[in-house]
């Protein structure tokens, strides 16, 4: 009986030690398997933190600190390493490091990862960067580049590049889209249409050295803007030539009411019966603002043309350089002029 207190204390110490050990984080250097729960961590795979994981189909874990590779997908609560999957990666809590998937990456709660996917990336938090074949979406800040084949969407982003549309609250750098950019604040949007809350939009009527009149819409940020327009040629009396143009420009402010509008624009004239006239222009257009809503501009242009001589009246007589191609088309370089008036919306 004398040893009873000592024995009791020993059993109590052993119980506490086992309990603390059970509460310690479960870690494995290597986790391998086919699909949950057919793996070395079995049914308890969701309780383990792994340094390296490899699964033929799909893996499941509490956390990945190194590299996790799966033929189809990885599902983990936390990741700070590299996730590679043939189809998709899903991080349920904190996502850091890099996620690479053949189809999609999803970071559900907190994220600062760099995501690369064949189709889509989605992050509810921030992201170091996102690259996808179709769309990338981040509810927080994308500190690097957001690149996709069709759509980018972010709250705040450094650079956005997409094949069709970019959407953001604030863009720090360049916003480049195949068609449209949308933002509250973006100084350097490059797209045919740019809907920028703090930017500028205008409609204009212009005429050039070939007597082609254009009604155009310009939209953009403080510096960069896009140009789209439709028009009609008044010089060619043989056939009715209808025109369309598209391009990009940049404002260079010289004074409060004076600025340079530098533009690169492609224009086409057609009668829709096989007659086509193509022109690419660099325009240097000084503009003067009358009040807040009206601006007039005029300036020199440098132009490249390509058209069929047998199809269209020769709209230009003098060239800096020209040549006839084997198919009868004429190519030429020449100086011209463009002038117009625009109303700021």
C-alpha atoms as a PDB file:
ATOM      1  CA  UNK A   1       0.000   0.000   0.000  1.00  0.00           C
ATOM      2  CA  UNK A   2       2.993   2.262   0.534  1.00  0.00           C
ATOM      3  CA  UNK A   3       3.626   2.254  -3.253  1.00  0.00           C
ATOM      4  CA  UNK A   4      -0.021   2.973  -4.127  1.00  0.00           C
ATOM      5  CA  UNK A   5       0.367   6.789  -4.483  1.00  0.00           C
ATOM      6  CA  UNK A   6       3.480   6.336  -6.626  1.00  0.00           C
ATOM      7  CA  UNK A   7       1.726   3.804  -8.848  1.00  0.00           C
ATOM      8  CA  UNK A   8      -1.272   6.086  -9.238  1.00  0.00           C
ATOM      9  CA  UNK A   9       0.988   8.998 -10.198  1.00  0.00           C
ATOM     10  CA  UNK A  10       2.797   6.824 -12.723  1.00  0.00           C
ATOM     11  CA  UNK A  11      -0.470   5.750 -14.390  1.00  0.00           C
ATOM     12  CA  UNK A  12      -1.690   9.349 -14.403  1.00  0.00           C
ATOM     13  CA  UNK A  13       1.550  10.558 -16.022  1.00  0.00           C
ATOM     14  CA  UNK A  14       1.329   7.807 -18.647  1.00  0.00           C
ATOM     15  CA  UNK A  15      -2.317   8.719 -19.445  1.00  0.00           C
ATOM     16  CA  UNK A  16      -1.468  12.410 -19.880  1.00  0.00           C
ATOM     17  CA  UNK A  17       1.525  11.594 -22.083  1.00  0.00           C
ATOM     18  CA  UNK A  18      -0.525   9.323 -24.348  1.00  0.00           C
ATOM     19  CA  UNK A  19      -3.283  11.923 -24.578  1.00  0.00           C
ATOM     20  CA  UNK A  20      -0.842  14.709 -25.536  1.00  0.00           C
ATOM     21  CA  UNK A  21       0.785  12.444 -28.080  1.00  0.00           C
ATOM     22  CA  UNK A  22      -2.597  11.708 -29.612  1.00  0.00           C
ATOM     23  CA  UNK A  23      -3.269  15.437 -29.891  1.00  0.00           C
ATOM     24  CA  UNK A  24       0.001  16.115 -31.698  1.00  0.00           C
ATOM     25  CA  UNK A  25      -0.217  16.686 -35.436  1.00  0.00           C
ATOM     26  CA  UNK A  26       0.076  13.533 -37.496  1.00  0.00           C
ATOM     27  CA  UNK A  27       2.838  13.820 -40.086  1.00  0.00           C
ATOM     28  CA  UNK A  28       4.133  11.559 -42.823  1.00  0.00           C
ATOM     29  CA  UNK A  29       7.162  11.980 -45.042  1.00  0.00           C
ATOM     30  CA  UNK A  30       5.501  10.010 -47.857  1.00  0.00           C
ATOM     31  CA  UNK A  31       1.838   9.335 -48.574  1.00  0.00           C
ATOM     32  CA  UNK A  32       1.128   6.972 -51.489  1.00  0.00           C
ATOM     33  CA  UNK A  33      -1.935   5.192 -52.755  1.00  0.00           C
ATOM     34  CA  UNK A  34      -4.585   4.612 -55.378  1.00  0.00           C
ATOM     35  CA  UNK A  35      -7.535   6.650 -54.138  1.00  0.00           C
ATOM     36  CA  UNK A  36      -8.881   7.521 -50.670  1.00  0.00           C
ATOM     37  CA  UNK A  37      -8.959   5.444 -48.485  1.00  0.00           C
ATOM     38  CA  UNK A  38      -6.766   2.995 -50.403  1.00  0.00           C
ATOM     39  CA  UNK A  39      -3.489   4.611 -49.343  1.00  0.00           C
ATOM     40  CA  UNK A  40      -0.761   4.346 -46.750  1.00  0.00           C
ATOM     41  CA  UNK A  41      -2.708   6.723 -44.461  1.00  0.00           C
ATOM     42  CA  UNK A  42      -5.955   4.805 -44.897  1.00  0.00           C
ATOM     43  CA  UNK A  43      -9.170   6.136 -43.388  1.00  0.00           C
ATOM     44  CA  UNK A  44      -7.169   8.666 -41.353  1.00  0.00           C
ATOM     45  CA  UNK A  45      -5.700  10.338 -44.458  1.00  0.00           C
ATOM     46  CA  UNK A  46      -7.649  13.525 -43.687  1.00  0.00           C
ATOM     47  CA  UNK A  47      -5.771  13.873 -40.383  1.00  0.00           C
ATOM     48  CA  UNK A  48      -2.240  13.725 -41.826  1.00  0.00           C
ATOM     49  CA  UNK A  49       0.170  16.418 -43.017  1.00  0.00           C
ATOM     50  CA  UNK A  50       2.430  15.072 -45.779  1.00  0.00           C
ATOM     51  CA  UNK A  51       5.761  16.173 -47.204  1.00  0.00           C
ATOM     52  CA  UNK A  52       5.275  14.155 -50.410  1.00  0.00           C
ATOM     53  CA  UNK A  53       2.136  12.526 -51.787  1.00  0.00           C
ATOM     54  CA  UNK A  54       1.524  10.483 -54.917  1.00  0.00           C
ATOM     55  CA  UNK A  55      -1.750   8.845 -55.957  1.00  0.00           C
ATOM     56  CA  UNK A  56      -2.712   7.024 -59.112  1.00  0.00           C
ATOM     57  CA  UNK A  57      -6.223   8.525 -59.068  1.00  0.00           C
ATOM     58  CA  UNK A  58      -6.875  10.970 -56.209  1.00  0.00           C
ATOM     59  CA  UNK A  59      -5.388  11.950 -52.872  1.00  0.00           C
ATOM     60  CA  UNK A  60      -6.918  13.377 -49.693  1.00  0.00           C
ATOM     61  CA  UNK A  61      -5.093  14.945 -46.737  1.00  0.00           C
ATOM     62  CA  UNK A  62      -5.126  17.540 -43.993  1.00  0.00           C
ATOM     63  CA  UNK A  63      -2.151  19.435 -45.434  1.00  0.00           C
ATOM     64  CA  UNK A  64       0.560  19.208 -48.071  1.00  0.00           C
ATOM     65  CA  UNK A  65       3.853  20.949 -47.330  1.00  0.00           C
ATOM     66  CA  UNK A  66       5.879  19.605 -50.248  1.00  0.00           C
ATOM     67  CA  UNK A  67       4.671  18.086 -53.509  1.00  0.00           C
ATOM     68  CA  UNK A  68       1.411  16.234 -54.137  1.00  0.00           C
ATOM     69  CA  UNK A  69       0.843  14.461 -57.453  1.00  0.00           C
ATOM     70  CA  UNK A  70      -2.366  12.727 -58.561  1.00  0.00           C
ATOM     71  CA  UNK A  71      -3.573  11.310 -61.837  1.00  0.00           C
ATOM     72  CA  UNK A  72      -7.027  12.879 -61.410  1.00  0.00           C
ATOM     73  CA  UNK A  73      -7.183  15.191 -58.399  1.00  0.00           C
ATOM     74  CA  UNK A  74      -5.881  16.381 -55.044  1.00  0.00           C
ATOM     75  CA  UNK A  75      -8.159  17.423 -52.175  1.00  0.00           C
ATOM     76  CA  UNK A  76      -6.539  18.938 -49.092  1.00  0.00           C
ATOM     77  CA  UNK A  77      -7.453  21.341 -46.332  1.00  0.00           C
ATOM     78  CA  UNK A  78      -4.175  23.256 -46.569  1.00  0.00           C
ATOM     79  CA  UNK A  79      -1.334  23.465 -49.068  1.00  0.00           C
ATOM     80  CA  UNK A  80       1.964  25.322 -48.965  1.00  0.00           C
ATOM     81  CA  UNK A  81       3.847  23.345 -51.607  1.00  0.00           C
ATOM     82  CA  UNK A  82       3.095  22.201 -55.152  1.00  0.00           C
ATOM     83  CA  UNK A  83      -0.125  20.446 -56.159  1.00  0.00           C
ATOM     84  CA  UNK A  84      -0.132  18.690 -59.542  1.00  0.00           C
ATOM     85  CA  UNK A  85      -3.210  16.901 -60.884  1.00  0.00           C
ATOM     86  CA  UNK A  86      -4.426  15.652 -64.232  1.00  0.00           C
ATOM     87  CA  UNK A  87      -7.881  17.121 -63.669  1.00  0.00           C
ATOM     88  CA  UNK A  88      -8.190  19.358 -60.606  1.00  0.00           C
ATOM     89  CA  UNK A  89      -6.899  20.565 -57.248  1.00  0.00           C
ATOM     90  CA  UNK A  90      -9.189  21.640 -54.395  1.00  0.00           C
ATOM     91  CA  UNK A  91      -7.828  23.392 -51.292  1.00  0.00           C
ATOM     92  CA  UNK A  92     -10.529  23.748 -48.644  1.00  0.00           C
ATOM     93  CA  UNK A  93      -8.804  26.244 -46.329  1.00  0.00           C
ATOM     94  CA  UNK A  94      -5.385  27.864 -46.856  1.00  0.00           C
ATOM     95  CA  UNK A  95      -3.734  27.700 -50.287  1.00  0.00           C
ATOM     96  CA  UNK A  96      -0.134  28.773 -50.788  1.00  0.00           C
ATOM     97  CA  UNK A  97       2.610  27.703 -53.171  1.00  0.00           C
ATOM     98  CA  UNK A  98       1.645  26.480 -56.656  1.00  0.00           C
ATOM     99  CA  UNK A  99      -1.384  24.648 -58.071  1.00  0.00           C
ATOM    100  CA  UNK A 100      -1.162  22.997 -61.490  1.00  0.00           C
ATOM    101  CA  UNK A 101      -4.147  21.170 -63.005  1.00  0.00           C
ATOM    102  CA  UNK A 102      -5.229  19.915 -66.385  1.00  0.00           C
ATOM    103  CA  UNK A 103      -8.726  21.335 -65.904  1.00  0.00           C
ATOM    104  CA  UNK A 104      -9.317  23.464 -62.778  1.00  0.00           C
ATOM    105  CA  UNK A 105      -7.880  24.768 -59.499  1.00  0.00           C
ATOM    106  CA  UNK A 106     -10.100  25.829 -56.601  1.00  0.00           C
ATOM    107  CA  UNK A 107      -9.007  27.604 -53.411  1.00  0.00           C
ATOM    108  CA  UNK A 108     -12.129  27.859 -51.251  1.00  0.00           C
ATOM    109  CA  UNK A 109     -11.264  30.175 -48.331  1.00  0.00           C
ATOM    110  CA  UNK A 110      -7.787  31.715 -48.074  1.00  0.00           C
ATOM    111  CA  UNK A 111      -5.392  31.814 -50.968  1.00  0.00           C
ATOM    112  CA  UNK A 112      -2.081  33.326 -52.039  1.00  0.00           C
ATOM    113  CA  UNK A 113      -1.120  30.579 -54.464  1.00  0.00           C
ATOM    114  CA  UNK A 114      -0.025  30.730 -58.090  1.00  0.00           C
ATOM    115  CA  UNK A 115      -2.594  28.774 -60.119  1.00  0.00           C
ATOM    116  CA  UNK A 116      -2.134  27.206 -63.558  1.00  0.00           C
ATOM    117  CA  UNK A 117      -5.029  25.313 -65.173  1.00  0.00           C
ATOM    118  CA  UNK A 118      -6.085  24.125 -68.593  1.00  0.00           C
ATOM    119  CA  UNK A 119      -9.589  25.536 -68.151  1.00  0.00           C
ATOM    120  CA  UNK A 120     -10.297  27.556 -64.978  1.00  0.00           C
ATOM    121  CA  UNK A 121      -8.843  28.945 -61.741  1.00  0.00           C
ATOM    122  CA  UNK A 122     -10.936  30.107 -58.799  1.00  0.00           C
ATOM    123  CA  UNK A 123      -9.657  31.730 -55.600  1.00  0.00           C
ATOM    124  CA  UNK A 124     -11.835  33.256 -52.902  1.00  0.00           C
ATOM    125  CA  UNK A 125      -8.860  35.134 -51.504  1.00  0.00           C
ATOM    126  CA  UNK A 126      -5.682  36.537 -53.050  1.00  0.00           C
ATOM    127  CA  UNK A 127      -3.452  34.918 -55.649  1.00  0.00           C
ATOM    128  CA  UNK A 128       0.169  35.311 -56.656  1.00  0.00           C
ATOM    129  CA  UNK A 129      -0.915  34.808 -60.247  1.00  0.00           C
ATOM    130  CA  UNK A 130      -3.411  32.880 -62.364  1.00  0.00           C
ATOM    131  CA  UNK A 131      -2.971  31.318 -65.809  1.00  0.00           C
ATOM    132  CA  UNK A 132      -5.789  29.384 -67.494  1.00  0.00           C
ATOM    133  CA  UNK A 133      -7.070  28.321 -70.873  1.00  0.00           C
ATOM    134  CA  UNK A 134     -10.561  29.788 -70.357  1.00  0.00           C
ATOM    135  CA  UNK A 135     -11.149  31.844 -67.183  1.00  0.00           C
ATOM    136  CA  UNK A 136      -9.484  32.963 -63.950  1.00  0.00           C
ATOM    137  CA  UNK A 137     -11.411  34.428 -61.009  1.00  0.00           C
ATOM    138  CA  UNK A 138     -10.068  35.854 -57.738  1.00  0.00           C
ATOM    139  CA  UNK A 139     -12.170  37.675 -55.145  1.00  0.00           C
ATOM    140  CA  UNK A 140      -9.093  39.276 -53.599  1.00  0.00           C
ATOM    141  CA  UNK A 141      -5.907  40.748 -55.041  1.00  0.00           C
ATOM    142  CA  UNK A 142      -3.865  39.142 -57.816  1.00  0.00           C
ATOM    143  CA  UNK A 143      -0.350  40.409 -57.170  1.00  0.00           C
ATOM    144  CA  UNK A 144       1.110  39.147 -60.438  1.00  0.00           C
ATOM    145  CA  UNK A 145      -0.460  38.475 -63.814  1.00  0.00           C
ATOM    146  CA  UNK A 146      -3.930  37.120 -64.535  1.00  0.00           C
ATOM    147  CA  UNK A 147      -3.883  35.427 -67.943  1.00  0.00           C
ATOM    148  CA  UNK A 148      -6.712  33.512 -69.632  1.00  0.00           C
ATOM    149  CA  UNK A 149      -8.064  32.593 -73.019  1.00  0.00           C
ATOM    150  CA  UNK A 150     -11.478  34.187 -72.461  1.00  0.00           C
ATOM    151  CA  UNK A 151     -12.213  35.858 -69.075  1.00  0.00           C
ATOM    152  CA  UNK A 152     -10.342  37.338 -66.113  1.00  0.00           C
ATOM    153  CA  UNK A 153     -12.075  38.668 -63.008  1.00  0.00           C
ATOM    154  CA  UNK A 154     -10.445  40.091 -59.864  1.00  0.00           C
ATOM    155  CA  UNK A 155     -11.029  42.686 -57.171  1.00  0.00           C
ATOM    156  CA  UNK A 156      -7.560  44.185 -57.550  1.00  0.00           C
ATOM    157  CA  UNK A 157      -4.897  43.099 -60.004  1.00  0.00           C
ATOM    158  CA  UNK A 158      -1.507  44.121 -61.334  1.00  0.00           C
ATOM    159  CA  UNK A 159      -1.885  42.919 -64.950  1.00  0.00           C
ATOM    160  CA  UNK A 160      -4.776  41.276 -66.814  1.00  0.00           C
ATOM    161  CA  UNK A 161      -4.508  39.631 -70.237  1.00  0.00           C
ATOM    162  CA  UNK A 162      -7.425  37.778 -71.826  1.00  0.00           C
ATOM    163  CA  UNK A 163      -8.675  36.751 -75.235  1.00  0.00           C
ATOM    164  CA  UNK A 164     -12.066  38.432 -74.779  1.00  0.00           C
ATOM    165  CA  UNK A 165     -12.906  40.257 -71.502  1.00  0.00           C
ATOM    166  CA  UNK A 166     -11.245  41.520 -68.311  1.00  0.00           C
ATOM    167  CA  UNK A 167     -13.174  42.652 -65.224  1.00  0.00           C
ATOM    168  CA  UNK A 168     -11.614  44.247 -62.142  1.00  0.00           C
ATOM    169  CA  UNK A 169     -12.256  46.839 -59.487  1.00  0.00           C
ATOM    170  CA  UNK A 170      -8.762  48.340 -59.678  1.00  0.00           C
ATOM    171  CA  UNK A 171      -5.975  47.640 -62.162  1.00  0.00           C
ATOM    172  CA  UNK A 172      -2.474  48.838 -61.287  1.00  0.00           C
ATOM    173  CA  UNK A 173      -0.793  48.015 -64.595  1.00  0.00           C
ATOM    174  CA  UNK A 174      -1.934  46.979 -68.076  1.00  0.00           C
ATOM    175  CA  UNK A 175      -5.353  45.554 -68.880  1.00  0.00           C
ATOM    176  CA  UNK A 176      -5.240  43.822 -72.277  1.00  0.00           C
ATOM    177  CA  UNK A 177      -8.291  42.145 -73.827  1.00  0.00           C
ATOM    178  CA  UNK A 178      -9.262  40.939 -77.260  1.00  0.00           C
ATOM    179  CA  UNK A 179     -12.530  42.856 -77.009  1.00  0.00           C
ATOM    180  CA  UNK A 180     -13.577  44.559 -73.735  1.00  0.00           C
ATOM    181  CA  UNK A 181     -12.100  45.752 -70.440  1.00  0.00           C
ATOM    182  CA  UNK A 182     -14.260  46.716 -67.451  1.00  0.00           C
ATOM    183  CA  UNK A 183     -12.889  48.408 -64.315  1.00  0.00           C
ATOM    184  CA  UNK A 184     -13.485  51.159 -61.796  1.00  0.00           C
ATOM    185  CA  UNK A 185      -9.890  52.336 -62.181  1.00  0.00           C
ATOM    186  CA  UNK A 186      -7.535  51.397 -65.042  1.00  0.00           C
ATOM    187  CA  UNK A 187      -5.157  53.865 -66.708  1.00  0.00           C
ATOM    188  CA  UNK A 188      -3.790  51.468 -69.344  1.00  0.00           C
ATOM    189  CA  UNK A 189      -6.646  49.417 -70.814  1.00  0.00           C
ATOM    190  CA  UNK A 190      -5.916  47.979 -74.258  1.00  0.00           C
ATOM    191  CA  UNK A 191      -9.100  46.736 -75.875  1.00  0.00           C
ATOM    192  CA  UNK A 192     -11.565  47.739 -78.578  1.00  0.00           C
ATOM    193  CA  UNK A 193     -14.115  48.699 -75.883  1.00  0.00           C
ATOM    194  CA  UNK A 194     -13.102  49.882 -72.410  1.00  0.00           C
ATOM    195  CA  UNK A 195     -15.707  50.662 -69.769  1.00  0.00           C
ATOM    196  CA  UNK A 196     -13.643  52.468 -67.116  1.00  0.00           C
ATOM    197  CA  UNK A 197     -15.510  54.327 -64.354  1.00  0.00           C
ATOM    198  CA  UNK A 198     -12.733  56.899 -63.899  1.00  0.00           C
ATOM    199  CA  UNK A 199     -11.856  56.941 -67.616  1.00  0.00           C
ATOM    200  CA  UNK A 200     -13.158  58.638 -70.749  1.00  0.00           C
ATOM    201  CA  UNK A 201     -15.680  57.797 -73.490  1.00  0.00           C
ATOM    202  CA  UNK A 202     -16.460  59.817 -76.612  1.00  0.00           C
ATOM    203  CA  UNK A 203     -18.210  59.710 -80.004  1.00  0.00           C
ATOM    204  CA  UNK A 204     -16.548  61.360 -82.995  1.00  0.00           C
ATOM    205  CA  UNK A 205     -17.087  62.246 -86.642  1.00  0.00           C
ATOM    206  CA  UNK A 206     -13.938  62.386 -88.811  1.00  0.00           C
ATOM    207  CA  UNK A 207     -12.695  62.543 -92.401  1.00  0.00           C
ATOM    208  CA  UNK A 208      -9.343  61.619 -93.982  1.00  0.00           C
ATOM    209  CA  UNK A 209      -7.368  62.229 -97.193  1.00  0.00           C
ATOM    210  CA  UNK A 210      -9.401  59.606 -99.127  1.00  0.00           C
ATOM    211  CA  UNK A 211     -12.656  61.387 -98.224  1.00  0.00           C
ATOM    212  CA  UNK A 212     -13.666  58.507 -95.988  1.00  0.00           C
ATOM    213  CA  UNK A 213     -15.942  59.700 -93.196  1.00  0.00           C
ATOM    214  CA  UNK A 214     -16.095  57.753 -89.952  1.00  0.00           C
ATOM    215  CA  UNK A 215     -18.425  57.780 -86.970  1.00  0.00           C
ATOM    216  CA  UNK A 216     -16.348  56.305 -84.161  1.00  0.00           C
ATOM    217  CA  UNK A 217     -16.516  55.435 -80.484  1.00  0.00           C
ATOM    218  CA  UNK A 218     -13.457  55.892 -78.268  1.00  0.00           C
ATOM    219  CA  UNK A 219     -13.276  54.488 -74.746  1.00  0.00           C
ATOM    220  CA  UNK A 220     -10.514  53.970 -72.220  1.00  0.00           C
ATOM    221  CA  UNK A 221      -8.634  55.138 -69.179  1.00  0.00           C
ATOM    222  CA  UNK A 222      -6.572  58.185 -68.351  1.00  0.00           C
ATOM    223  CA  UNK A 223      -3.909  57.159 -70.921  1.00  0.00           C
ATOM    224  CA  UNK A 224      -4.846  54.232 -73.186  1.00  0.00           C
ATOM    225  CA  UNK A 225      -8.102  53.837 -75.139  1.00  0.00           C
ATOM    226  CA  UNK A 226      -9.749  51.807 -77.887  1.00  0.00           C
ATOM    227  CA  UNK A 227     -11.270  52.911 -81.205  1.00  0.00           C
ATOM    228  CA  UNK A 228     -14.117  51.344 -83.206  1.00  0.00           C
ATOM    229  CA  UNK A 229     -16.023  52.990 -86.042  1.00  0.00           C
ATOM    230  CA  UNK A 230     -18.141  52.682 -89.181  1.00  0.00           C
ATOM    231  CA  UNK A 231     -18.263  54.967 -92.189  1.00  0.00           C
ATOM    232  CA  UNK A 232     -18.593  55.642 -95.919  1.00  0.00           C
ATOM    233  CA  UNK A 233     -16.256  56.786 -98.684  1.00  0.00           C
ATOM    234  CA  UNK A 234     -17.370  59.974-100.496  1.00  0.00           C
ATOM    235  CA  UNK A 235     -14.693  59.948-103.227  1.00  0.00           C
ATOM    236  CA  UNK A 236     -15.263  56.687-105.076  1.00  0.00           C
ATOM    237  CA  UNK A 237     -18.149  57.373-107.472  1.00  0.00           C
ATOM    238  CA  UNK A 238     -18.040  54.035-109.245  1.00  0.00           C
ATOM    239  CA  UNK A 239     -19.084  51.876-106.312  1.00  0.00           C
ATOM    240  CA  UNK A 240     -20.465  52.476-102.854  1.00  0.00           C
ATOM    241  CA  UNK A 241     -17.712  51.704-100.353  1.00  0.00           C
ATOM    242  CA  UNK A 242     -18.687  51.160 -96.729  1.00  0.00           C
ATOM    243  CA  UNK A 243     -16.028  51.389 -94.038  1.00  0.00           C
ATOM    244  CA  UNK A 244     -15.128  50.012 -90.644  1.00  0.00           C
ATOM    245  CA  UNK A 245     -12.149  50.684 -88.402  1.00  0.00           C
ATOM    246  CA  UNK A 246     -10.670  49.436 -85.133  1.00  0.00           C
ATOM    247  CA  UNK A 247      -7.550  50.234 -83.167  1.00  0.00           C
ATOM    248  CA  UNK A 248      -5.886  51.629 -80.066  1.00  0.00           C
ATOM    249  CA  UNK A 249      -4.685  54.995 -78.891  1.00  0.00           C
ATOM    250  CA  UNK A 250      -2.939  56.925 -76.147  1.00  0.00           C
ATOM    251  CA  UNK A 251      -3.509  60.423 -74.745  1.00  0.00           C
ATOM    252  CA  UNK A 252      -0.455  62.623 -74.124  1.00  0.00           C
ATOM    253  CA  UNK A 253      -1.529  65.706 -72.190  1.00  0.00           C
ATOM    254  CA  UNK A 254       0.337  68.875 -73.125  1.00  0.00           C
ATOM    255  CA  UNK A 255      -1.772  71.478 -71.291  1.00  0.00           C
ATOM    256  CA  UNK A 256      -5.129  71.657 -69.551  1.00  0.00           C
ATOM    257  CA  UNK A 257      -7.006  71.960 -72.873  1.00  0.00           C
ATOM    258  CA  UNK A 258      -4.409  70.593 -75.329  1.00  0.00           C
ATOM    259  CA  UNK A 259      -3.277  67.005 -75.852  1.00  0.00           C
ATOM    260  CA  UNK A 260      -1.864  64.620 -78.454  1.00  0.00           C
ATOM    261  CA  UNK A 261      -3.956  61.638 -79.460  1.00  0.00           C
ATOM    262  CA  UNK A 262      -1.612  58.938 -80.803  1.00  0.00           C
ATOM    263  CA  UNK A 263      -3.423  56.125 -82.615  1.00  0.00           C
ATOM    264  CA  UNK A 264      -2.774  52.871 -84.482  1.00  0.00           C
ATOM    265  CA  UNK A 265      -5.858  51.968 -86.505  1.00  0.00           C
ATOM    266  CA  UNK A 266      -6.787  49.429 -89.186  1.00  0.00           C
ATOM    267  CA  UNK A 267      -9.490  50.378 -91.669  1.00  0.00           C
ATOM    268  CA  UNK A 268     -11.302  48.524 -94.436  1.00  0.00           C
ATOM    269  CA  UNK A 269     -13.574  49.705 -97.246  1.00  0.00           C
ATOM    270  CA  UNK A 270     -15.842  47.271 -99.056  1.00  0.00           C
ATOM    271  CA  UNK A 271     -18.866  47.163-101.350  1.00  0.00           C
ATOM    272  CA  UNK A 272     -19.650  43.628-100.055  1.00  0.00           C
ATOM    273  CA  UNK A 273     -19.371  42.323-103.623  1.00  0.00           C
ATOM    274  CA  UNK A 274     -15.685  41.424-103.686  1.00  0.00           C
ATOM    275  CA  UNK A 275     -14.162  44.906-103.683  1.00  0.00           C
ATOM    276  CA  UNK A 276     -11.940  45.428-100.626  1.00  0.00           C
ATOM    277  CA  UNK A 277      -9.543  48.208 -99.621  1.00  0.00           C
ATOM    278  CA  UNK A 278      -7.341  47.741 -96.544  1.00  0.00           C
ATOM    279  CA  UNK A 279      -5.460  50.503 -94.751  1.00  0.00           C
ATOM    280  CA  UNK A 280      -3.369  50.577 -91.573  1.00  0.00           C
ATOM    281  CA  UNK A 281      -2.509  53.969 -90.102  1.00  0.00           C
ATOM    282  CA  UNK A 282      -0.389  55.657 -87.474  1.00  0.00           C
ATOM    283  CA  UNK A 283      -2.062  58.918 -86.483  1.00  0.00           C
ATOM    284  CA  UNK A 284      -0.636  61.904 -84.606  1.00  0.00           C
ATOM    285  CA  UNK A 285      -3.661  64.060 -83.784  1.00  0.00           C
ATOM    286  CA  UNK A 286      -3.296  67.212 -81.701  1.00  0.00           C
ATOM    287  CA  UNK A 287      -6.592  68.058 -80.039  1.00  0.00           C
ATOM    288  CA  UNK A 288      -8.042  71.136 -78.392  1.00  0.00           C
ATOM    289  CA  UNK A 289     -10.917  70.981 -75.905  1.00  0.00           C
ATOM    290  CA  UNK A 290     -13.667  73.584 -75.856  1.00  0.00           C
ATOM    291  CA  UNK A 291     -15.082  73.274 -72.371  1.00  0.00           C
ATOM    292  CA  UNK A 292     -15.528  69.838 -70.849  1.00  0.00           C
ATOM    293  CA  UNK A 293     -17.478  68.075 -73.587  1.00  0.00           C
ATOM    294  CA  UNK A 294     -16.171  69.133 -77.004  1.00  0.00           C
ATOM    295  CA  UNK A 295     -12.815  68.455 -78.680  1.00  0.00           C
ATOM    296  CA  UNK A 296     -11.566  69.131 -82.205  1.00  0.00           C
ATOM    297  CA  UNK A 297      -8.485  67.403 -83.613  1.00  0.00           C
ATOM    298  CA  UNK A 298      -6.457  67.235 -86.815  1.00  0.00           C
ATOM    299  CA  UNK A 299      -3.048  65.901 -87.713  1.00  0.00           C
ATOM    300  CA  UNK A 300      -0.809  63.884 -90.037  1.00  0.00           C
ATOM    301  CA  UNK A 301      -1.000  60.148 -90.599  1.00  0.00           C
ATOM    302  CA  UNK A 302       1.351  57.541 -92.043  1.00  0.00           C
ATOM    303  CA  UNK A 303      -0.463  54.806 -93.939  1.00  0.00           C
ATOM    304  CA  UNK A 304      -0.017  51.385 -95.506  1.00  0.00           C
ATOM    305  CA  UNK A 305      -2.600  50.247 -98.068  1.00  0.00           C
ATOM    306  CA  UNK A 306      -3.356  47.029 -99.940  1.00  0.00           C
ATOM    307  CA  UNK A 307      -6.116  46.849-102.561  1.00  0.00           C
ATOM    308  CA  UNK A 308      -7.007  45.520-106.009  1.00  0.00           C
ATOM    309  CA  UNK A 309      -6.436  48.165-108.678  1.00  0.00           C
ATOM    310  CA  UNK A 310      -8.926  46.612-111.058  1.00  0.00           C
ATOM    311  CA  UNK A 311     -11.656  46.647-108.419  1.00  0.00           C
ATOM    312  CA  UNK A 312     -11.486  50.095-106.849  1.00  0.00           C
ATOM    313  CA  UNK A 313     -10.925  53.671-107.912  1.00  0.00           C
ATOM    314  CA  UNK A 314      -7.416  54.738-106.996  1.00  0.00           C
ATOM    315  CA  UNK A 315      -8.053  56.861-103.912  1.00  0.00           C
ATOM    316  CA  UNK A 316      -4.390  57.947-103.583  1.00  0.00           C
ATOM    317  CA  UNK A 317      -2.161  59.256-106.380  1.00  0.00           C
ATOM    318  CA  UNK A 318       1.225  59.796-104.683  1.00  0.00           C
ATOM    319  CA  UNK A 319       3.140  57.302-102.583  1.00  0.00           C
ATOM    320  CA  UNK A 320       6.379  57.262-100.639  1.00  0.00           C
ATOM    321  CA  UNK A 321       6.737  53.655-101.792  1.00  0.00           C
ATOM    322  CA  UNK A 322       4.521  51.323-103.794  1.00  0.00           C
ATOM    323  CA  UNK A 323       4.608  48.065-105.709  1.00  0.00           C
ATOM    324  CA  UNK A 324       2.267  45.832-107.691  1.00  0.00           C
ATOM    325  CA  UNK A 325       1.893  42.281-106.467  1.00  0.00           C
ATOM    326  CA  UNK A 326       1.623  39.304-108.804  1.00  0.00           C
ATOM    327  CA  UNK A 327      -2.108  39.045-108.210  1.00  0.00           C
ATOM    328  CA  UNK A 328      -2.662  42.620-109.394  1.00  0.00           C
ATOM    329  CA  UNK A 329      -3.062  44.175-105.956  1.00  0.00           C
ATOM    330  CA  UNK A 330      -1.211  47.342-105.062  1.00  0.00           C
ATOM    331  CA  UNK A 331       0.731  47.920-101.861  1.00  0.00           C
ATOM    332  CA  UNK A 332       1.811  51.390-100.864  1.00  0.00           C
ATOM    333  CA  UNK A 333       3.068  53.722 -98.135  1.00  0.00           C
ATOM    334  CA  UNK A 334       2.054  57.360 -98.014  1.00  0.00           C
ATOM    335  CA  UNK A 335       1.393  60.350 -95.764  1.00  0.00           C
ATOM    336  CA  UNK A 336      -2.143  61.552 -95.179  1.00  0.00           C
ATOM    337  CA  UNK A 337      -4.281  63.577 -92.813  1.00  0.00           C
ATOM    338  CA  UNK A 338      -7.161  62.980 -90.425  1.00  0.00           C
ATOM    339  CA  UNK A 339      -9.441  65.544 -88.786  1.00  0.00           C
ATOM    340  CA  UNK A 340     -12.548  65.379 -86.691  1.00  0.00           C
ATOM    341  CA  UNK A 341     -14.702  66.553 -83.849  1.00  0.00           C
ATOM    342  CA  UNK A 342     -15.678  64.495 -80.826  1.00  0.00           C
ATOM    343  CA  UNK A 343     -18.097  64.805 -77.935  1.00  0.00           C
ATOM    344  CA  UNK A 344     -16.971  63.509 -74.549  1.00  0.00           C
ATOM    345  CA  UNK A 345     -19.657  61.462 -72.832  1.00  0.00           C
END
